[in-house]
N, C-alpha and C. Protein backbone atom coordinates (compact mmCIF):
# COMPACT_ATOMS: atom_id res chain seq x y z
N MET A 1 -77.44 58.79 -103.99
CA MET A 1 -76.35 58.07 -103.31
C MET A 1 -75.19 59.00 -103.19
N ALA A 2 -74.91 59.22 -101.94
CA ALA A 2 -73.81 60.17 -101.64
C ALA A 2 -72.51 59.44 -101.59
N LEU A 3 -71.50 60.21 -101.90
CA LEU A 3 -70.16 59.62 -101.82
C LEU A 3 -69.81 59.33 -100.36
N PHE A 4 -69.07 58.22 -100.20
CA PHE A 4 -68.59 57.80 -98.89
C PHE A 4 -69.70 57.65 -97.89
N GLY A 5 -70.89 57.57 -98.25
CA GLY A 5 -71.99 57.39 -97.30
C GLY A 5 -72.41 55.95 -97.23
N LYS A 6 -73.32 55.68 -96.27
CA LYS A 6 -73.82 54.32 -96.09
C LYS A 6 -74.89 54.06 -97.12
N LYS A 7 -75.03 52.79 -97.45
CA LYS A 7 -76.03 52.39 -98.42
C LYS A 7 -77.40 52.57 -97.84
N ASN A 8 -78.33 53.10 -98.70
CA ASN A 8 -79.72 53.34 -98.31
C ASN A 8 -79.81 54.32 -97.16
N ASP A 9 -78.76 55.07 -96.93
CA ASP A 9 -78.73 56.06 -95.83
C ASP A 9 -79.12 55.46 -94.49
N GLU A 10 -78.57 54.28 -94.22
CA GLU A 10 -78.88 53.65 -92.91
C GLU A 10 -78.14 54.41 -91.82
N PRO A 11 -78.79 54.52 -90.72
CA PRO A 11 -78.13 55.27 -89.60
C PRO A 11 -76.95 54.45 -89.06
N GLU A 12 -75.93 55.17 -88.69
CA GLU A 12 -74.74 54.50 -88.14
C GLU A 12 -75.02 54.01 -86.72
N LEU A 13 -74.49 52.84 -86.46
CA LEU A 13 -74.62 52.28 -85.09
C LEU A 13 -73.52 52.85 -84.23
N VAL A 14 -73.93 53.48 -83.22
CA VAL A 14 -72.95 54.09 -82.29
C VAL A 14 -72.94 53.26 -81.01
N GLU A 15 -71.81 52.84 -80.65
CA GLU A 15 -71.66 52.00 -79.44
C GLU A 15 -71.45 52.91 -78.24
N GLU A 16 -72.28 52.67 -77.21
CA GLU A 16 -72.17 53.52 -76.00
C GLU A 16 -71.00 53.08 -75.15
N LEU A 17 -70.25 54.05 -74.68
CA LEU A 17 -69.10 53.78 -73.79
C LEU A 17 -69.56 53.87 -72.33
N PRO A 18 -68.97 53.07 -71.49
CA PRO A 18 -69.34 53.18 -70.06
C PRO A 18 -68.94 54.54 -69.52
N PRO A 19 -69.62 54.92 -68.45
CA PRO A 19 -69.29 56.25 -67.89
C PRO A 19 -67.84 56.30 -67.46
N ARG A 20 -67.27 57.40 -67.73
CA ARG A 20 -65.84 57.56 -67.44
C ARG A 20 -65.64 57.79 -65.95
N ARG A 21 -64.66 56.99 -65.41
CA ARG A 21 -64.37 57.16 -63.98
C ARG A 21 -63.48 58.36 -63.77
N ARG A 22 -63.56 58.80 -62.52
CA ARG A 22 -62.66 59.89 -62.16
C ARG A 22 -61.30 59.28 -61.84
N LYS A 23 -60.47 59.39 -62.84
CA LYS A 23 -59.19 58.68 -62.79
C LYS A 23 -58.34 59.09 -61.60
N ASP A 24 -58.19 60.33 -61.41
CA ASP A 24 -57.27 60.79 -60.36
C ASP A 24 -57.77 60.45 -58.97
N GLN A 25 -59.10 60.47 -58.68
CA GLN A 25 -59.61 60.18 -57.34
C GLN A 25 -59.42 58.70 -57.03
N ASP A 26 -59.76 57.81 -58.01
CA ASP A 26 -59.67 56.38 -57.77
C ASP A 26 -58.22 55.95 -57.58
N GLU A 27 -57.34 56.48 -58.44
CA GLU A 27 -55.93 56.11 -58.32
C GLU A 27 -55.32 56.63 -57.04
N THR A 28 -55.72 57.83 -56.64
CA THR A 28 -55.22 58.38 -55.38
C THR A 28 -55.66 57.54 -54.21
N PHE A 29 -56.91 57.05 -54.25
CA PHE A 29 -57.43 56.21 -53.17
C PHE A 29 -56.65 54.91 -53.08
N ARG A 30 -56.42 54.32 -54.28
CA ARG A 30 -55.70 53.05 -54.27
C ARG A 30 -54.25 53.24 -53.83
N VAL A 31 -53.63 54.31 -54.27
CA VAL A 31 -52.24 54.57 -53.86
C VAL A 31 -52.17 54.83 -52.36
N GLY A 32 -53.12 55.59 -51.83
CA GLY A 32 -53.14 55.86 -50.39
C GLY A 32 -53.33 54.59 -49.60
N ARG A 33 -54.26 53.72 -50.10
CA ARG A 33 -54.51 52.46 -49.40
C ARG A 33 -53.27 51.58 -49.44
N ALA A 34 -52.57 51.58 -50.57
CA ALA A 34 -51.35 50.78 -50.68
C ALA A 34 -50.28 51.30 -49.74
N MET A 35 -50.15 52.62 -49.64
CA MET A 35 -49.15 53.20 -48.74
C MET A 35 -49.47 52.90 -47.29
N ALA A 36 -50.74 52.93 -46.93
CA ALA A 36 -51.14 52.61 -45.56
C ALA A 36 -50.83 51.15 -45.26
N GLY A 37 -51.10 50.27 -46.23
CA GLY A 37 -50.81 48.85 -46.03
C GLY A 37 -49.31 48.61 -45.88
N ASP A 38 -48.53 49.29 -46.74
CA ASP A 38 -47.08 49.13 -46.65
C ASP A 38 -46.56 49.62 -45.31
N ALA A 39 -47.08 50.73 -44.81
CA ALA A 39 -46.64 51.27 -43.51
C ALA A 39 -46.96 50.29 -42.40
N SER A 40 -48.16 49.68 -42.44
CA SER A 40 -48.54 48.69 -41.44
C SER A 40 -47.61 47.48 -41.47
N LYS A 41 -47.31 47.01 -42.71
CA LYS A 41 -46.39 45.87 -42.83
C LYS A 41 -45.01 46.22 -42.30
N ASN A 42 -44.57 47.44 -42.59
CA ASN A 42 -43.26 47.88 -42.11
C ASN A 42 -43.20 47.92 -40.59
N ARG A 43 -44.30 48.39 -39.98
CA ARG A 43 -44.35 48.41 -38.50
C ARG A 43 -44.28 47.00 -37.95
N GLU A 44 -45.04 46.10 -38.58
CA GLU A 44 -45.03 44.71 -38.11
C GLU A 44 -43.64 44.08 -38.26
N LEU A 45 -43.00 44.34 -39.41
CA LEU A 45 -41.66 43.80 -39.61
C LEU A 45 -40.67 44.37 -38.60
N LYS A 46 -40.82 45.68 -38.34
CA LYS A 46 -39.92 46.32 -37.37
C LYS A 46 -40.12 45.73 -35.99
N GLN A 47 -41.39 45.56 -35.59
CA GLN A 47 -41.67 44.96 -34.28
C GLN A 47 -41.15 43.53 -34.21
N GLU A 48 -41.28 42.77 -35.32
CA GLU A 48 -40.78 41.39 -35.36
C GLU A 48 -39.26 41.37 -35.20
N ARG A 49 -38.59 42.32 -35.89
CA ARG A 49 -37.14 42.39 -35.76
C ARG A 49 -36.72 42.76 -34.34
N LEU A 50 -37.47 43.69 -33.74
CA LEU A 50 -37.17 44.07 -32.36
C LEU A 50 -37.34 42.89 -31.41
N ARG A 51 -38.44 42.12 -31.61
CA ARG A 51 -38.67 40.93 -30.77
C ARG A 51 -37.54 39.92 -30.96
N ALA A 52 -37.14 39.71 -32.21
CA ALA A 52 -36.05 38.76 -32.48
C ALA A 52 -34.74 39.24 -31.86
N ALA A 53 -34.50 40.56 -31.94
CA ALA A 53 -33.28 41.11 -31.34
C ALA A 53 -33.29 40.93 -29.83
N LYS A 54 -34.46 41.16 -29.20
CA LYS A 54 -34.56 40.98 -27.74
C LYS A 54 -34.33 39.53 -27.35
N ILE A 55 -34.89 38.61 -28.16
CA ILE A 55 -34.70 37.18 -27.87
C ILE A 55 -33.23 36.81 -27.97
N ARG A 56 -32.57 37.32 -29.04
CA ARG A 56 -31.13 37.04 -29.18
C ARG A 56 -30.34 37.63 -28.03
N GLN A 57 -30.74 38.85 -27.61
CA GLN A 57 -30.04 39.49 -26.50
C GLN A 57 -30.21 38.68 -25.21
N ARG A 58 -31.46 38.21 -24.97
CA ARG A 58 -31.70 37.39 -23.78
C ARG A 58 -30.87 36.11 -23.83
N LYS A 59 -30.82 35.48 -25.01
CA LYS A 59 -30.03 34.25 -25.15
C LYS A 59 -28.55 34.51 -24.89
N ASN A 60 -28.05 35.63 -25.42
CA ASN A 60 -26.65 35.98 -25.21
C ASN A 60 -26.35 36.21 -23.72
N ILE A 61 -27.27 36.93 -23.06
CA ILE A 61 -27.09 37.20 -21.62
C ILE A 61 -27.12 35.89 -20.84
N ALA A 62 -28.09 35.02 -21.19
CA ALA A 62 -28.20 33.73 -20.50
C ALA A 62 -26.94 32.90 -20.71
N THR A 63 -26.40 32.94 -21.94
CA THR A 63 -25.16 32.19 -22.22
C THR A 63 -24.00 32.71 -21.40
N VAL A 64 -23.88 34.05 -21.34
CA VAL A 64 -22.78 34.65 -20.57
C VAL A 64 -22.92 34.33 -19.09
N VAL A 65 -24.15 34.47 -18.55
CA VAL A 65 -24.38 34.18 -17.13
C VAL A 65 -24.10 32.71 -16.84
N GLY A 66 -24.56 31.82 -17.73
CA GLY A 66 -24.29 30.39 -17.54
C GLY A 66 -22.80 30.08 -17.54
N ALA A 67 -22.07 30.74 -18.47
CA ALA A 67 -20.62 30.52 -18.53
C ALA A 67 -19.92 31.01 -17.27
N VAL A 68 -20.37 32.17 -16.77
CA VAL A 68 -19.78 32.72 -15.53
C VAL A 68 -20.05 31.79 -14.35
N ILE A 69 -21.29 31.30 -14.24
CA ILE A 69 -21.64 30.39 -13.14
C ILE A 69 -20.84 29.10 -13.23
N LEU A 70 -20.73 28.56 -14.45
CA LEU A 70 -19.95 27.33 -14.64
C LEU A 70 -18.49 27.54 -14.27
N PHE A 71 -17.92 28.66 -14.69
CA PHE A 71 -16.53 28.97 -14.35
C PHE A 71 -16.36 29.09 -12.85
N ALA A 72 -17.32 29.76 -12.19
CA ALA A 72 -17.24 29.93 -10.74
C ALA A 72 -17.29 28.59 -10.03
N VAL A 73 -18.20 27.71 -10.48
CA VAL A 73 -18.32 26.38 -9.87
C VAL A 73 -17.04 25.58 -10.05
N VAL A 74 -16.50 25.62 -11.28
CA VAL A 74 -15.25 24.89 -11.55
C VAL A 74 -14.11 25.44 -10.71
N ALA A 75 -14.06 26.77 -10.58
CA ALA A 75 -13.00 27.39 -9.77
C ALA A 75 -13.11 26.99 -8.31
N ILE A 76 -14.35 26.98 -7.78
CA ILE A 76 -14.55 26.60 -6.38
C ILE A 76 -14.14 25.15 -6.15
N VAL A 77 -14.57 24.27 -7.07
CA VAL A 77 -14.21 22.85 -6.94
C VAL A 77 -12.70 22.67 -7.02
N ALA A 78 -12.05 23.40 -7.95
CA ALA A 78 -10.60 23.28 -8.09
C ALA A 78 -9.88 23.78 -6.85
N VAL A 79 -10.34 24.91 -6.31
CA VAL A 79 -9.71 25.46 -5.09
C VAL A 79 -9.88 24.50 -3.93
N ASN A 80 -11.08 23.94 -3.77
CA ASN A 80 -11.31 22.98 -2.68
C ASN A 80 -10.44 21.75 -2.83
N PHE A 81 -10.31 21.26 -4.08
CA PHE A 81 -9.48 20.07 -4.32
C PHE A 81 -8.02 20.35 -4.00
N ILE A 82 -7.52 21.49 -4.50
CA ILE A 82 -6.12 21.85 -4.25
C ILE A 82 -5.87 22.05 -2.76
N THR A 83 -6.82 22.70 -2.07
CA THR A 83 -6.67 22.93 -0.63
C THR A 83 -6.62 21.61 0.13
N SER A 84 -7.50 20.66 -0.26
CA SER A 84 -7.51 19.36 0.42
C SER A 84 -6.22 18.59 0.16
N VAL A 85 -5.71 18.68 -1.09
CA VAL A 85 -4.45 17.99 -1.41
C VAL A 85 -3.29 18.58 -0.60
N ILE A 86 -3.25 19.92 -0.52
CA ILE A 86 -2.18 20.57 0.25
C ILE A 86 -2.29 20.20 1.73
N ALA A 87 -3.53 20.17 2.25
CA ALA A 87 -3.72 19.81 3.66
C ALA A 87 -3.27 18.38 3.93
N GLU A 88 -3.61 17.46 3.00
CA GLU A 88 -3.19 16.06 3.16
C GLU A 88 -1.68 15.94 3.11
N ARG A 89 -1.05 16.69 2.19
CA ARG A 89 0.41 16.61 2.07
C ARG A 89 1.07 17.17 3.33
N GLU A 90 0.55 18.29 3.83
CA GLU A 90 1.11 18.86 5.05
C GLU A 90 0.93 17.91 6.23
N LYS A 91 -0.22 17.24 6.24
CA LYS A 91 -0.46 16.28 7.31
C LYS A 91 0.52 15.12 7.25
N LEU A 92 0.82 14.65 6.01
CA LEU A 92 1.78 13.57 5.86
C LEU A 92 3.19 14.00 6.24
N LEU A 93 3.50 15.27 5.95
CA LEU A 93 4.84 15.77 6.25
C LEU A 93 5.04 16.11 7.72
N GLU A 94 3.94 16.26 8.45
CA GLU A 94 4.06 16.56 9.87
C GLU A 94 4.69 15.39 10.60
N PRO A 95 5.62 15.67 11.51
CA PRO A 95 6.20 14.57 12.27
C PRO A 95 5.15 13.92 13.16
N ALA A 96 5.22 12.62 13.22
CA ALA A 96 4.27 11.89 14.06
C ALA A 96 4.50 12.25 15.52
N PRO A 97 3.42 12.39 16.29
CA PRO A 97 3.60 12.72 17.70
C PRO A 97 4.40 11.64 18.42
N VAL A 98 5.29 12.08 19.27
CA VAL A 98 6.16 11.14 19.98
C VAL A 98 5.36 10.41 21.05
N LYS A 99 5.45 9.08 21.02
CA LYS A 99 4.79 8.29 22.05
C LYS A 99 5.54 8.43 23.36
N GLU A 100 4.79 8.52 24.42
CA GLU A 100 5.40 8.64 25.73
C GLU A 100 5.64 7.24 26.30
N PRO A 101 6.83 6.99 26.84
CA PRO A 101 7.08 5.69 27.48
C PRO A 101 6.24 5.53 28.74
N THR A 102 5.89 4.30 29.03
CA THR A 102 5.07 4.04 30.24
C THR A 102 5.94 3.93 31.49
N VAL A 103 7.25 3.74 31.29
CA VAL A 103 8.14 3.63 32.45
C VAL A 103 8.67 5.01 32.82
N ALA A 104 9.08 5.15 34.07
CA ALA A 104 9.63 6.43 34.54
C ALA A 104 11.04 6.61 34.00
N ILE A 105 11.33 7.85 33.58
CA ILE A 105 12.68 8.21 33.12
C ILE A 105 13.21 9.30 34.05
N MET A 106 14.28 8.99 34.76
CA MET A 106 14.89 9.93 35.71
C MET A 106 16.13 10.55 35.07
N ASP A 107 16.17 11.87 35.03
CA ASP A 107 17.30 12.58 34.42
C ASP A 107 18.18 13.15 35.53
N GLU A 108 19.44 12.70 35.57
CA GLU A 108 20.38 13.20 36.58
C GLU A 108 20.96 14.55 36.19
N ASN A 109 20.71 14.97 34.97
CA ASN A 109 21.17 16.29 34.52
C ASN A 109 20.12 17.32 34.92
N VAL A 110 20.39 18.08 35.95
CA VAL A 110 19.42 19.01 36.51
C VAL A 110 19.06 20.08 35.49
N GLY A 111 17.76 20.31 35.35
CA GLY A 111 17.27 21.34 34.43
C GLY A 111 17.18 20.89 32.98
N GLN A 112 17.57 19.67 32.68
CA GLN A 112 17.51 19.17 31.31
C GLN A 112 16.21 18.39 31.10
N ASN A 113 15.61 18.59 29.92
CA ASN A 113 14.39 17.86 29.57
C ASN A 113 14.76 16.60 28.80
N VAL A 114 13.96 15.57 28.95
CA VAL A 114 14.18 14.32 28.21
C VAL A 114 13.87 14.58 26.74
N SER A 115 14.82 14.28 25.87
CA SER A 115 14.63 14.55 24.44
C SER A 115 13.65 13.56 23.82
N ASP A 116 13.09 13.95 22.68
CA ASP A 116 12.17 13.07 21.96
C ASP A 116 12.89 11.79 21.51
N ARG A 117 14.14 11.92 21.17
CA ARG A 117 14.90 10.75 20.72
C ARG A 117 15.00 9.71 21.84
N VAL A 118 15.27 10.16 23.05
CA VAL A 118 15.37 9.24 24.19
C VAL A 118 14.01 8.60 24.46
N LYS A 119 12.95 9.40 24.35
CA LYS A 119 11.60 8.86 24.59
C LYS A 119 11.27 7.78 23.56
N GLU A 120 11.57 8.05 22.29
CA GLU A 120 11.30 7.05 21.25
C GLU A 120 12.09 5.77 21.49
N PHE A 121 13.35 5.92 21.89
CA PHE A 121 14.17 4.74 22.17
C PHE A 121 13.59 3.95 23.34
N ALA A 122 13.16 4.66 24.38
CA ALA A 122 12.60 4.00 25.56
C ALA A 122 11.32 3.24 25.22
N VAL A 123 10.48 3.83 24.35
CA VAL A 123 9.24 3.17 23.95
C VAL A 123 9.55 1.87 23.21
N ARG A 124 10.48 1.93 22.26
CA ARG A 124 10.85 0.72 21.51
C ARG A 124 11.49 -0.32 22.43
N LEU A 125 12.32 0.15 23.35
CA LEU A 125 13.03 -0.77 24.26
C LEU A 125 12.05 -1.50 25.17
N GLU A 126 11.01 -0.81 25.59
CA GLU A 126 9.98 -1.46 26.43
C GLU A 126 9.41 -2.69 25.73
N ASP A 127 9.04 -2.51 24.46
CA ASP A 127 8.46 -3.62 23.70
C ASP A 127 9.48 -4.73 23.46
N ASP A 128 10.72 -4.32 23.15
CA ASP A 128 11.76 -5.32 22.86
C ASP A 128 12.11 -6.14 24.11
N ILE A 129 12.13 -5.50 25.27
CA ILE A 129 12.44 -6.23 26.53
C ILE A 129 11.32 -7.22 26.86
N LYS A 130 10.08 -6.82 26.57
CA LYS A 130 8.95 -7.73 26.85
C LYS A 130 9.04 -8.98 26.00
N ILE A 131 9.55 -8.85 24.78
CA ILE A 131 9.71 -10.02 23.92
C ILE A 131 10.69 -11.01 24.56
N GLU A 132 11.69 -10.49 25.28
CA GLU A 132 12.67 -11.34 25.95
C GLU A 132 12.12 -11.93 27.26
N GLY A 133 10.93 -11.50 27.63
CA GLY A 133 10.31 -12.04 28.84
C GLY A 133 10.59 -11.26 30.10
N TYR A 134 11.04 -10.00 29.97
CA TYR A 134 11.34 -9.16 31.14
C TYR A 134 10.59 -7.83 31.02
N GLU A 135 10.64 -7.07 32.10
CA GLU A 135 9.93 -5.80 32.12
C GLU A 135 10.81 -4.73 32.76
N ILE A 136 10.81 -3.56 32.16
CA ILE A 136 11.63 -2.45 32.67
C ILE A 136 10.93 -1.81 33.87
N ASP A 137 11.72 -1.55 34.91
CA ASP A 137 11.19 -0.86 36.09
C ASP A 137 11.28 0.65 35.90
N HIS A 138 12.46 1.13 35.60
CA HIS A 138 12.65 2.55 35.30
C HIS A 138 13.96 2.73 34.54
N ILE A 139 14.16 3.92 34.00
CA ILE A 139 15.35 4.26 33.22
C ILE A 139 15.98 5.52 33.83
N VAL A 140 17.31 5.52 33.88
CA VAL A 140 18.04 6.68 34.40
C VAL A 140 18.93 7.23 33.30
N LEU A 141 18.91 8.56 33.14
CA LEU A 141 19.82 9.24 32.23
C LEU A 141 20.99 9.75 33.08
N PRO A 142 22.13 9.08 32.98
CA PRO A 142 23.26 9.43 33.87
C PRO A 142 23.81 10.83 33.59
N TYR A 143 24.42 11.39 34.59
CA TYR A 143 24.95 12.75 34.52
C TYR A 143 26.01 12.86 33.43
N GLN A 144 25.79 13.83 32.51
CA GLN A 144 26.73 14.16 31.43
C GLN A 144 27.04 12.94 30.53
N LYS A 145 26.09 12.06 30.34
CA LYS A 145 26.22 10.93 29.42
C LYS A 145 25.11 11.06 28.37
N ALA A 146 25.41 11.77 27.28
CA ALA A 146 24.38 12.12 26.30
C ALA A 146 23.84 10.91 25.56
N ARG A 147 24.65 9.88 25.32
CA ARG A 147 24.24 8.74 24.51
C ARG A 147 23.93 7.50 25.33
N GLN A 148 24.02 7.59 26.62
CA GLN A 148 23.87 6.40 27.46
C GLN A 148 22.60 6.48 28.30
N ILE A 149 21.98 5.32 28.49
CA ILE A 149 20.88 5.21 29.46
C ILE A 149 21.15 3.99 30.34
N ASP A 150 20.71 4.08 31.58
CA ASP A 150 20.83 2.95 32.52
C ASP A 150 19.44 2.37 32.72
N VAL A 151 19.31 1.09 32.41
CA VAL A 151 18.01 0.42 32.44
C VAL A 151 17.95 -0.51 33.66
N TYR A 152 16.90 -0.32 34.45
CA TYR A 152 16.67 -1.16 35.62
C TYR A 152 15.51 -2.10 35.33
N ILE A 153 15.75 -3.39 35.55
CA ILE A 153 14.74 -4.41 35.29
C ILE A 153 14.00 -4.72 36.59
N LYS A 154 12.71 -4.95 36.48
CA LYS A 154 11.91 -5.25 37.67
C LYS A 154 12.46 -6.48 38.39
N ASP A 155 12.52 -6.36 39.73
CA ASP A 155 12.95 -7.45 40.62
C ASP A 155 14.42 -7.81 40.41
N ARG A 156 15.22 -6.85 39.87
CA ARG A 156 16.66 -7.08 39.72
C ARG A 156 17.40 -5.93 40.40
N LYS A 157 18.57 -6.25 41.01
CA LYS A 157 19.34 -5.21 41.69
C LYS A 157 20.34 -4.54 40.74
N GLU A 158 20.88 -5.27 39.74
CA GLU A 158 21.85 -4.69 38.81
C GLU A 158 21.12 -3.87 37.73
N TYR A 159 21.86 -2.97 37.12
CA TYR A 159 21.29 -2.21 36.00
C TYR A 159 22.13 -2.44 34.76
N TYR A 160 21.62 -2.02 33.59
CA TYR A 160 22.24 -2.32 32.30
C TYR A 160 22.47 -1.02 31.53
N LYS A 161 23.74 -0.84 31.15
CA LYS A 161 24.09 0.36 30.38
C LYS A 161 23.87 0.09 28.89
N LEU A 162 23.00 0.94 28.29
CA LEU A 162 22.71 0.80 26.86
C LEU A 162 23.03 2.12 26.14
N SER A 163 23.21 2.03 24.81
CA SER A 163 23.46 3.21 23.99
C SER A 163 22.25 3.49 23.10
N ILE A 164 21.83 4.74 23.06
CA ILE A 164 20.69 5.09 22.20
C ILE A 164 21.09 5.15 20.73
N ASP A 165 22.39 5.01 20.44
CA ASP A 165 22.86 5.01 19.06
C ASP A 165 22.77 3.63 18.42
N ARG A 166 22.58 2.60 19.23
CA ARG A 166 22.47 1.23 18.72
C ARG A 166 21.01 0.79 18.71
N SER A 167 20.74 -0.28 17.98
CA SER A 167 19.37 -0.80 17.87
C SER A 167 18.84 -1.24 19.23
N SER A 168 17.64 -0.83 19.55
CA SER A 168 17.03 -1.23 20.83
C SER A 168 16.74 -2.73 20.84
N ALA A 169 16.36 -3.28 19.68
CA ALA A 169 16.04 -4.71 19.61
C ALA A 169 17.29 -5.56 19.85
N VAL A 170 18.43 -5.17 19.25
CA VAL A 170 19.68 -5.92 19.42
C VAL A 170 20.13 -5.86 20.87
N GLN A 171 20.06 -4.67 21.46
CA GLN A 171 20.51 -4.53 22.85
C GLN A 171 19.57 -5.24 23.82
N ALA A 172 18.27 -5.26 23.49
CA ALA A 172 17.33 -6.00 24.34
C ALA A 172 17.63 -7.50 24.28
N GLU A 173 18.00 -7.99 23.11
CA GLU A 173 18.37 -9.40 22.98
C GLU A 173 19.63 -9.71 23.79
N ASP A 174 20.64 -8.82 23.70
CA ASP A 174 21.86 -8.99 24.50
C ASP A 174 21.56 -8.95 25.99
N LEU A 175 20.66 -8.06 26.36
CA LEU A 175 20.28 -7.93 27.77
C LEU A 175 19.62 -9.21 28.27
N GLY A 176 18.72 -9.77 27.48
CA GLY A 176 18.06 -11.03 27.86
C GLY A 176 19.06 -12.16 28.03
N ARG A 177 20.05 -12.26 27.10
CA ARG A 177 21.07 -13.30 27.21
C ARG A 177 21.91 -13.13 28.48
N MET A 178 22.26 -11.88 28.77
CA MET A 178 23.07 -11.62 29.97
C MET A 178 22.29 -11.93 31.25
N LEU A 179 21.02 -11.59 31.25
CA LEU A 179 20.19 -11.92 32.43
C LEU A 179 20.18 -13.42 32.68
N ARG A 180 19.98 -14.17 31.64
CA ARG A 180 19.94 -15.63 31.79
C ARG A 180 21.32 -16.19 32.16
N TYR A 181 22.38 -15.60 31.63
CA TYR A 181 23.74 -16.04 31.95
C TYR A 181 24.04 -15.76 33.42
N ILE A 182 23.70 -14.55 33.87
CA ILE A 182 23.95 -14.20 35.28
C ILE A 182 23.20 -15.13 36.22
N ASP A 183 21.96 -15.42 35.90
CA ASP A 183 21.17 -16.31 36.75
C ASP A 183 21.74 -17.73 36.73
N THR A 184 22.14 -18.18 35.54
CA THR A 184 22.68 -19.54 35.42
C THR A 184 24.00 -19.67 36.20
N GLN A 185 24.85 -18.65 36.07
CA GLN A 185 26.16 -18.69 36.72
C GLN A 185 26.12 -18.14 38.15
N MET A 186 24.92 -17.66 38.56
CA MET A 186 24.73 -17.10 39.91
C MET A 186 25.77 -16.01 40.18
N ILE A 187 25.88 -15.10 39.20
CA ILE A 187 26.83 -13.98 39.31
C ILE A 187 26.13 -12.81 40.00
N SER A 188 26.84 -12.17 40.94
CA SER A 188 26.34 -10.98 41.60
C SER A 188 27.16 -9.79 41.10
N CYS A 189 26.46 -8.80 40.51
CA CYS A 189 27.18 -7.64 39.96
C CYS A 189 26.38 -6.37 40.17
N GLU A 190 27.08 -5.23 39.98
CA GLU A 190 26.43 -3.92 40.13
C GLU A 190 25.75 -3.50 38.83
N TYR A 191 26.45 -3.68 37.72
CA TYR A 191 25.89 -3.29 36.42
C TYR A 191 26.48 -4.17 35.33
N VAL A 192 25.84 -4.13 34.12
CA VAL A 192 26.33 -4.81 32.92
C VAL A 192 26.35 -3.78 31.79
N ASP A 193 27.51 -3.66 31.15
CA ASP A 193 27.66 -2.67 30.07
C ASP A 193 27.47 -3.38 28.72
N LEU A 194 26.43 -2.97 27.99
CA LEU A 194 26.11 -3.58 26.68
C LEU A 194 26.24 -2.58 25.53
N ARG A 195 26.97 -1.51 25.74
CA ARG A 195 27.03 -0.46 24.73
C ARG A 195 27.87 -0.85 23.52
N VAL A 196 28.82 -1.76 23.69
CA VAL A 196 29.69 -2.18 22.58
C VAL A 196 29.09 -3.43 21.95
N GLU A 197 28.92 -3.40 20.63
CA GLU A 197 28.30 -4.51 19.93
C GLU A 197 29.15 -5.79 20.06
N GLY A 198 28.46 -6.89 20.41
CA GLY A 198 29.11 -8.19 20.51
C GLY A 198 29.87 -8.41 21.79
N LYS A 199 29.83 -7.47 22.74
CA LYS A 199 30.58 -7.60 23.99
C LYS A 199 29.69 -7.21 25.17
N ALA A 200 29.99 -7.77 26.32
CA ALA A 200 29.27 -7.41 27.54
C ALA A 200 30.28 -7.37 28.69
N TYR A 201 30.22 -6.29 29.44
CA TYR A 201 31.10 -6.17 30.60
C TYR A 201 30.24 -6.03 31.83
N TYR A 202 30.62 -6.68 32.88
CA TYR A 202 29.87 -6.52 34.14
C TYR A 202 30.85 -6.22 35.28
N LYS A 203 30.32 -5.58 36.28
CA LYS A 203 31.14 -5.24 37.44
C LYS A 203 30.33 -5.51 38.69
């Protein structure tokens, strides 16, 4: 019996180890494969970011274009509205066209044109005389009488001096009263002057 030896000199059991791998080749392969995978993932992430950036850029461009179009539409509508308002206001401010009288107006002032004021007065006087039951034959603008007109009534020989500074309706009423008075009193006269309010002179 030997010191430190096994009893009965039994052989030692030796456990077999698996074959040793080539450490550096296997690890290099795995590291290379991992690096290739990481590079592929990085490319995919980069492409994804580029796609997202392009989408954001397209959205930004679309937003800007939409805002520009909206602003242009609003500007056009505003300009059209303002233009129409200005046109309407100018139309309202324009003087109304002067109505032409249907009766003849004879001007004794050679070379002088009948003013718009006289025409307007004559138009109103025509209507006012008709209310009294008479009709104007013609009107004369006497020589160098700026405010006076001589009115001739149909089927009458006398004429009536009126003022364009007084109301046509009031003078037409006075004229109607004088016509009836002359007929009632069987007065023969050349003219009747109605230019002074509340008075009538005849000759």
